[in-house]
Amino acid sequence: MKIVAVNAGADVSGAEKVLAQLIAVAVAGGDEVVLACPEGNLPDIVDPAVHHVPVPLSRLGRSRGRLGRLAAIAGLPVSWWRTARILRIAARDADAVILNSTFGLPAVGLAFPGHTWLRGSGRRRPTVTWLVHDTIHSPKQKVVALLGTHAITRAVGVSEVTAASVRRLVRRAESRPNGVRIPATPTGATTTDPARPVVGILAVLAAWKGHDVLLEAVARVPEVHLEIAGTAFPGSEDWERQLRGRAAQPDLAGRVRFLGHADPAEVFPRWDLIVSASTSPEAGPLGVLEAMAAGVPVLGTGHGGTAEYLAGGSGRLVPPGDVDALAEAMRELIHDPDGRARLRDRARQVAERDHDLTTTLPRMLEALTRA
């Protein structure tokens, strides 16, 4: 089978890690894979057997200032059209096209406009699937989706709530949850220093990830120390500066560490609690699953894939953006070792049962390449 994988950007976050893992499974199974994405970091983490085809998709997040952003928006149709031409060539003899990015939908819609794509060519149209890493809820997402979902054969959401968010746009939509590697034994902290409990967050530094909400909550729980693991994407540097400025204020000074990129295996053993504070709904947060598998109690916001993954006692949920609720839940869990142990044990069971990477990846790849 020949597969063309399409990604709208080349920066690496959770969605790109999942794509790289899927590509590795496909290559190991003897499939030929072409990766179509802009120049950047993503091609460096995929299997060396994969052929990279650069595409000129624009990234609004890199634009500086109002004029730069307006210029980037004006250039979007041209970048979509140029990308569509490249995709048509790359997928000429492909069996399946996998779109890994919501914001690549307009280009895919232009490249594969239903049956007209092959009219008169004598060639078979490939299966075009969308691996949905966004719980579609904002007007911008909905507009972008409308520009390309006519080309989609099937959508596969990384959680059921994500699949449900696109069922009005794509007739065939199903869910295949994300997975992670399950360590042989839990690695999370099992004892807490009452004088210095450590809370962590593992997420890219973007406004919707809720770092600002978490900082305000930590300011209200003076015994807590916070470690922020993650880096800012290009274009989000101002947001990182704002977070660092807030962390330097007197009520937080000395209690917040910015770790940059961090290996979960290195930070989980010292974290008493991990927080997923996203103010917009996550689709299938890998950081939450990694913590569940490692035995780190999770406190998350009660929407999107986070709520789905933490259902049934696998974690504690609070309303998104609610500083008071987040602070109170954090305080209660920090001072309740038995409660944390219950969350830790239940989450580990769920991770082993439903989110083992060795099972989830083949099931996800099968759904994405099925005719």
Protein backbone atom coordinates (compact mmCIF):
# COMPACT_ATOMS: atom_id res chain seq x y z
CA MET A 1 0.00 0.00 0.00
CA LYS A 2 1.13 3.55 -0.71
CA ILE A 3 0.13 6.14 1.88
CA VAL A 4 0.46 9.92 1.62
CA ALA A 5 0.46 11.57 5.05
CA VAL A 6 -0.36 15.29 5.07
CA ASN A 7 0.46 17.68 7.92
CA ALA A 8 -0.19 21.43 7.84
CA GLY A 9 2.89 22.31 9.88
CA ALA A 10 6.30 20.89 10.67
CA ASP A 11 6.59 21.86 14.36
CA VAL A 12 6.28 18.81 16.59
CA SER A 13 3.57 18.51 19.23
CA GLY A 14 1.29 15.65 20.25
CA ALA A 15 -0.47 15.32 16.88
CA GLU A 16 2.84 15.10 15.02
CA LYS A 17 4.17 12.50 17.46
CA VAL A 18 1.11 10.35 16.79
CA LEU A 19 1.60 10.71 13.04
CA ALA A 20 5.27 9.71 13.29
CA GLN A 21 4.28 6.62 15.29
CA LEU A 22 1.62 5.66 12.74
CA ILE A 23 4.14 6.06 9.94
CA ALA A 24 6.57 3.78 11.77
CA VAL A 25 3.89 1.09 12.04
CA ALA A 26 3.03 1.44 8.33
CA VAL A 27 6.68 1.22 7.24
CA ALA A 28 7.26 -1.81 9.49
CA GLY A 29 4.28 -3.45 7.78
CA GLY A 30 5.83 -2.95 4.33
CA ASP A 31 3.86 0.11 3.22
CA GLU A 32 5.37 2.95 1.20
CA VAL A 33 4.83 6.30 2.90
CA VAL A 34 5.18 9.85 1.58
CA LEU A 35 5.08 12.75 4.06
CA ALA A 36 3.75 16.04 2.69
CA CYS A 37 4.41 18.93 5.08
CA PRO A 38 6.36 22.21 5.22
CA GLU A 39 10.07 22.23 5.92
CA GLY A 40 10.82 21.92 9.63
CA ASN A 41 11.26 19.44 12.46
CA LEU A 42 8.62 16.85 11.60
CA PRO A 43 10.52 15.14 8.75
CA ASP A 44 13.45 14.61 11.14
CA ILE A 45 11.46 12.41 13.54
CA VAL A 46 9.82 10.07 11.02
CA ASP A 47 11.25 6.82 9.70
CA PRO A 48 14.20 7.45 7.32
CA ALA A 49 12.46 5.33 4.66
CA VAL A 50 9.77 8.01 4.31
CA HIS A 51 10.02 10.40 1.35
CA HIS A 52 9.39 14.03 2.34
CA VAL A 53 7.53 16.25 -0.12
CA PRO A 54 7.66 19.92 0.98
CA VAL A 55 4.41 21.86 0.69
CA PRO A 56 3.96 25.65 1.02
CA LEU A 57 1.17 25.71 3.61
CA SER A 58 1.19 29.04 5.46
CA ARG A 59 1.37 29.21 9.26
CA LEU A 60 -0.45 32.19 10.72
CA GLY A 61 1.17 31.62 14.10
CA ARG A 62 4.53 32.71 12.69
CA SER A 63 3.23 36.08 11.49
CA ARG A 64 4.34 39.13 13.48
CA GLY A 65 2.12 42.16 13.92
CA ARG A 66 -1.24 43.04 12.45
CA LEU A 67 0.08 43.73 8.96
CA GLY A 68 2.03 40.48 8.90
CA ARG A 69 -1.03 38.53 9.97
CA LEU A 70 -3.24 40.21 7.36
CA ALA A 71 -0.66 39.45 4.68
CA ALA A 72 -0.54 35.81 5.79
CA ILE A 73 -4.35 35.52 5.69
CA ALA A 74 -4.43 37.04 2.20
CA GLY A 75 -1.85 34.48 1.06
CA LEU A 76 -3.75 31.45 2.36
CA PRO A 77 -5.75 30.69 -0.83
CA VAL A 78 -2.56 30.72 -2.88
CA SER A 79 -0.78 28.38 -0.45
CA TRP A 80 -3.78 26.03 -0.46
CA TRP A 81 -3.88 25.92 -4.24
CA ARG A 82 -0.14 25.35 -4.61
CA THR A 83 -0.26 22.63 -1.95
CA ALA A 84 -3.22 20.97 -3.68
CA ARG A 85 -1.26 20.73 -6.95
CA ILE A 86 1.64 19.08 -5.13
CA LEU A 87 -0.68 16.65 -3.33
CA ARG A 88 -2.32 15.58 -6.58
CA ILE A 89 1.06 14.59 -7.96
CA ALA A 90 2.23 12.92 -4.74
CA ALA A 91 -0.99 10.89 -4.51
CA ARG A 92 -1.14 9.92 -8.17
CA ASP A 93 -0.76 6.19 -7.42
CA ALA A 94 -1.58 6.26 -3.69
CA ASP A 95 -4.07 3.97 -1.98
CA ALA A 96 -4.70 6.24 1.00
CA VAL A 97 -4.23 9.88 1.95
CA ILE A 98 -4.17 10.64 5.69
CA LEU A 99 -4.68 14.26 6.73
CA ASN A 100 -3.28 14.89 10.20
CA SER A 101 -4.22 18.58 10.58
CA THR A 102 -7.52 20.43 10.63
CA PHE A 103 -5.92 23.44 8.97
CA GLY A 104 -4.81 21.31 6.02
CA LEU A 105 -8.44 20.65 5.06
CA PRO A 106 -8.78 23.47 2.48
CA ALA A 107 -5.75 22.21 0.53
CA VAL A 108 -6.97 18.62 0.67
CA GLY A 109 -10.42 19.77 -0.45
CA LEU A 110 -8.89 21.42 -3.51
CA ALA A 111 -6.67 18.42 -4.25
CA PHE A 112 -9.37 15.74 -4.05
CA PRO A 113 -12.76 17.35 -4.87
CA GLY A 114 -14.85 14.21 -4.89
CA HIS A 115 -15.08 12.11 -8.01
CA THR A 116 -14.07 15.00 -10.26
CA TRP A 117 -10.45 14.53 -9.19
CA LEU A 118 -10.09 11.50 -11.49
CA ARG A 119 -12.58 12.35 -14.21
CA GLY A 120 -11.13 11.23 -17.51
CA SER A 121 -7.84 10.05 -16.00
CA GLY A 122 -8.66 6.36 -15.73
CA ARG A 123 -7.17 6.30 -12.21
CA ARG A 124 -8.75 5.32 -8.92
CA ARG A 125 -9.29 7.97 -6.28
CA PRO A 126 -7.42 7.17 -3.04
CA THR A 127 -9.21 6.87 0.27
CA VAL A 128 -8.91 10.29 1.95
CA THR A 129 -9.16 10.17 5.73
CA TRP A 130 -8.83 12.82 8.42
CA LEU A 131 -7.19 11.97 11.74
CA VAL A 132 -8.94 14.51 13.96
CA HIS A 133 -6.74 15.96 16.71
CA ASP A 134 -9.03 18.93 17.42
CA THR A 135 -12.41 18.88 19.10
CA ILE A 136 -14.07 21.18 16.58
CA HIS A 137 -15.83 23.95 18.48
CA SER A 138 -14.60 27.40 17.39
CA PRO A 139 -15.96 29.39 14.43
CA LYS A 140 -12.52 29.40 12.80
CA GLN A 141 -12.24 25.63 12.98
CA LYS A 142 -15.75 25.18 11.58
CA VAL A 143 -15.09 27.49 8.63
CA VAL A 144 -11.82 25.73 7.78
CA ALA A 145 -13.53 22.35 8.07
CA LEU A 146 -16.30 23.37 5.68
CA LEU A 147 -13.67 24.19 3.07
CA GLY A 148 -12.36 20.64 2.93
CA THR A 149 -14.56 17.98 4.50
CA HIS A 150 -16.31 17.32 1.17
CA ALA A 151 -13.13 15.47 0.17
CA ILE A 152 -12.98 13.28 3.28
CA THR A 153 -13.93 9.61 3.01
CA ARG A 154 -13.79 8.99 6.76
CA ALA A 155 -12.87 10.91 9.90
CA VAL A 156 -11.14 9.19 12.82
CA GLY A 157 -11.19 11.08 16.12
CA VAL A 158 -8.64 10.42 18.85
CA SER A 159 -11.52 10.39 21.36
CA GLU A 160 -15.25 9.82 21.02
CA VAL A 161 -16.03 13.45 21.86
CA THR A 162 -13.72 14.53 19.03
CA ALA A 163 -15.34 12.14 16.56
CA ALA A 164 -18.76 13.44 17.61
CA SER A 165 -17.66 17.04 16.92
CA VAL A 166 -17.23 16.28 13.19
CA ARG A 167 -20.17 13.95 12.51
CA ARG A 168 -22.24 16.78 11.07
CA LEU A 169 -19.42 17.49 8.62
CA VAL A 170 -18.27 13.98 7.70
CA ARG A 171 -20.82 11.22 7.17
CA ARG A 172 -18.48 8.45 8.36
CA ALA A 173 -16.77 9.32 11.63
CA GLU A 174 -15.45 6.92 14.26
CA SER A 175 -13.10 7.07 17.23
CA ARG A 176 -9.76 5.41 17.92
CA PRO A 177 -8.29 6.66 21.20
CA ASN A 178 -4.68 7.70 21.52
CA GLY A 179 -2.23 5.41 23.23
CA VAL A 180 1.09 5.62 25.06
CA ARG A 181 3.83 3.25 26.13
CA ILE A 182 2.91 1.59 29.41
CA PRO A 183 5.91 1.38 31.77
CA ALA A 184 6.40 -1.98 33.47
CA THR A 185 6.02 -0.33 36.86
CA PRO A 186 4.56 3.07 37.82
CA THR A 187 7.15 5.84 37.96
CA GLY A 188 5.13 8.63 39.56
CA ALA A 189 5.91 10.02 43.00
CA THR A 190 4.47 7.98 45.85
CA THR A 191 5.44 10.21 48.76
CA THR A 192 4.91 13.93 49.22
CA ASP A 193 7.09 16.36 51.13
CA PRO A 194 4.39 18.24 53.06
CA ALA A 195 6.59 21.32 53.05
CA ARG A 196 7.12 21.25 49.27
CA PRO A 197 4.52 19.41 47.18
CA VAL A 198 5.28 19.61 43.45
CA VAL A 199 2.63 20.06 40.77
CA GLY A 200 3.52 19.80 37.10
CA ILE A 201 2.06 20.69 33.72
CA LEU A 202 3.23 19.07 30.49
CA ALA A 203 2.06 21.10 27.49
CA VAL A 204 3.25 23.47 24.78
CA LEU A 205 3.18 27.10 25.88
CA ALA A 206 0.05 28.26 24.10
CA ALA A 207 -2.72 30.45 25.49
CA TRP A 208 -5.44 27.79 25.28
CA LYS A 209 -3.43 25.35 27.39
CA GLY A 210 -4.38 27.34 30.50
CA HIS A 211 -0.97 27.99 32.04
CA ASP A 212 -2.19 31.41 33.14
CA VAL A 213 -5.16 29.88 34.97
CA LEU A 214 -2.85 27.38 36.67
CA LEU A 215 -0.46 30.12 37.79
CA GLU A 216 -3.33 32.01 39.42
CA ALA A 217 -4.50 28.83 41.14
CA VAL A 218 -0.99 28.05 42.44
CA ALA A 219 -0.76 31.61 43.78
CA ARG A 220 -3.70 30.71 46.06
CA VAL A 221 -2.05 27.53 47.36
CA PRO A 222 1.19 28.88 48.85
CA GLU A 223 2.67 25.49 49.81
CA VAL A 224 2.69 24.27 46.18
CA HIS A 225 5.68 24.46 43.84
CA LEU A 226 4.96 24.36 40.10
CA GLU A 227 7.08 22.94 37.28
CA ILE A 228 6.15 23.91 33.72
CA ALA A 229 7.42 21.46 31.11
CA GLY A 230 7.03 22.63 27.53
CA THR A 231 8.22 25.15 24.97
CA ALA A 232 6.54 27.87 22.94
CA PHE A 233 5.89 27.41 19.25
CA PRO A 234 7.20 30.16 16.97
CA GLY A 235 4.77 33.05 17.27
CA SER A 236 3.97 32.35 20.94
CA GLU A 237 7.05 33.98 22.43
CA ASP A 238 5.05 36.92 23.80
CA TRP A 239 2.79 34.50 25.66
CA GLU A 240 5.79 32.82 27.26
CA ARG A 241 7.12 36.20 28.39
CA GLN A 242 3.76 37.00 29.99
CA LEU A 243 3.79 33.70 31.88
CA ARG A 244 7.34 34.24 33.10
CA GLY A 245 6.45 37.77 34.20
CA ARG A 246 3.48 36.49 36.22
CA ALA A 247 5.62 33.76 37.79
CA ALA A 248 8.14 36.39 38.94
CA GLN A 249 5.58 38.35 40.95
CA PRO A 250 5.88 38.20 44.77
CA ASP A 251 3.06 35.70 45.38
CA LEU A 252 4.73 33.15 43.08
CA ALA A 253 8.41 34.13 43.14
CA GLY A 254 10.65 31.14 43.84
CA ARG A 255 7.83 28.62 43.44
CA VAL A 256 7.70 28.25 39.64
CA ARG A 257 10.27 26.59 37.38
CA PHE A 258 10.18 26.67 33.57
CA LEU A 259 11.82 23.45 32.41
CA GLY A 260 11.55 23.86 28.65
CA HIS A 261 11.38 20.55 26.79
CA ALA A 262 11.39 17.76 29.38
CA ASP A 263 11.27 13.98 29.21
CA PRO A 264 8.20 12.78 31.14
CA ALA A 265 10.25 9.90 32.54
CA GLU A 266 12.51 12.44 34.24
CA VAL A 267 9.85 14.71 35.73
CA PHE A 268 7.08 12.28 36.68
CA PRO A 269 9.01 10.72 39.61
CA ARG A 270 9.03 14.07 41.42
CA TRP A 271 5.51 15.28 40.56
CA ASP A 272 2.84 14.66 43.17
CA LEU A 273 0.15 15.82 40.76
CA ILE A 274 -0.10 16.79 37.10
CA VAL A 275 -2.58 19.39 35.87
CA SER A 276 -4.14 19.66 32.42
CA ALA A 277 -5.62 23.18 32.57
CA SER A 278 -6.73 23.66 28.95
CA THR A 279 -9.43 26.28 28.50
CA SER A 280 -10.44 24.92 25.07
CA PRO A 281 -11.33 21.22 24.81
CA GLU A 282 -8.44 18.86 24.20
CA ALA A 283 -8.98 16.05 21.71
CA GLY A 284 -6.80 13.21 23.04
CA PRO A 285 -4.15 14.68 25.35
CA LEU A 286 -1.02 12.53 25.34
CA GLY A 287 0.33 14.18 28.49
CA VAL A 288 -2.74 13.02 30.41
CA LEU A 289 -2.36 9.47 29.12
CA GLU A 290 1.37 9.40 29.87
CA ALA A 291 0.66 10.48 33.45
CA MET A 292 -2.10 7.87 33.82
CA ALA A 293 0.25 5.13 32.61
CA ALA A 294 3.07 6.32 34.88
CA GLY A 295 0.95 6.55 38.00
CA VAL A 296 0.83 10.34 38.38
CA PRO A 297 -2.57 11.58 39.64
CA VAL A 298 -4.24 13.86 37.11
CA LEU A 299 -6.29 17.00 37.72
CA GLY A 300 -7.89 18.16 34.48
CA THR A 301 -10.53 20.45 33.02
CA GLY A 302 -13.88 18.77 32.47
CA HIS A 303 -14.33 18.96 28.72
CA GLY A 304 -13.13 17.32 25.52
CA GLY A 305 -10.87 14.28 25.49
CA THR A 306 -9.51 15.06 28.95
CA ALA A 307 -12.93 14.46 30.53
CA GLU A 308 -13.38 11.33 28.45
CA TYR A 309 -10.00 9.83 29.37
CA LEU A 310 -10.41 10.68 33.08
CA ALA A 311 -14.00 9.43 33.39
CA GLY A 312 -14.94 6.86 36.01
CA GLY A 313 -12.52 7.94 38.70
CA SER A 314 -9.33 8.00 36.63
CA GLY A 315 -8.75 11.64 37.55
CA ARG A 316 -10.26 14.75 39.13
CA LEU A 317 -12.10 17.24 36.92
CA VAL A 318 -12.84 20.95 37.39
CA PRO A 319 -14.61 23.49 35.14
CA PRO A 320 -12.32 25.06 32.53
CA GLY A 321 -10.99 28.50 33.40
CA ASP A 322 -12.22 28.33 37.02
CA VAL A 323 -9.27 29.46 39.15
CA ASP A 324 -11.08 28.94 42.47
CA ALA A 325 -12.16 25.37 41.62
CA LEU A 326 -8.69 24.49 40.35
CA ALA A 327 -7.00 25.87 43.47
CA GLU A 328 -9.42 24.06 45.80
CA ALA A 329 -9.05 20.72 44.00
CA MET A 330 -5.28 21.08 44.01
CA ARG A 331 -5.25 21.84 47.72
CA GLU A 332 -7.50 18.87 48.52
CA LEU A 333 -5.48 16.38 46.48
CA ILE A 334 -2.12 17.57 47.77
CA HIS A 335 -3.30 16.90 51.34
CA ASP A 336 -5.09 13.61 50.56
CA PRO A 337 -2.54 10.85 49.85
CA ASP A 338 -5.22 8.15 49.91
CA GLY A 339 -7.28 10.05 47.33
CA ARG A 340 -4.26 10.45 45.09
CA ALA A 341 -3.52 6.74 45.41
CA ARG A 342 -7.06 5.85 44.31
CA LEU A 343 -6.77 8.09 41.25
CA ARG A 344 -3.34 6.70 40.46
CA ASP A 345 -4.43 3.04 40.65
CA ARG A 346 -7.63 3.51 38.64
CA ALA A 347 -5.88 5.54 35.94
CA ARG A 348 -3.15 2.94 35.56
CA GLN A 349 -5.77 0.21 35.06
CA VAL A 350 -7.56 2.24 32.38
CA ALA A 351 -4.30 3.07 30.59
CA GLU A 352 -3.32 -0.60 30.47
CA ARG A 353 -6.75 -1.63 29.22
CA ASP A 354 -7.59 1.09 26.70
CA HIS A 355 -4.46 3.06 25.81
CA ASP A 356 -1.58 0.66 25.24
CA LEU A 357 0.33 1.96 22.21
CA THR A 358 0.97 -1.55 20.88
CA THR A 359 -2.78 -1.97 20.46
CA THR A 360 -4.03 1.54 19.70
CA LEU A 361 -1.65 2.33 16.82
CA PRO A 362 -2.51 -0.68 14.60
CA ARG A 363 -6.24 -0.09 15.21
CA MET A 364 -5.90 3.57 14.32
CA LEU A 365 -3.87 2.86 11.16
CA GLU A 366 -6.41 0.25 10.03
CA ALA A 367 -9.27 2.73 10.40
CA LEU A 368 -7.34 5.39 8.48
CA THR A 369 -6.38 3.18 5.52
CA ARG A 370 -9.51 1.04 5.18
CA ALA A 371 -11.21 1.49 1.79
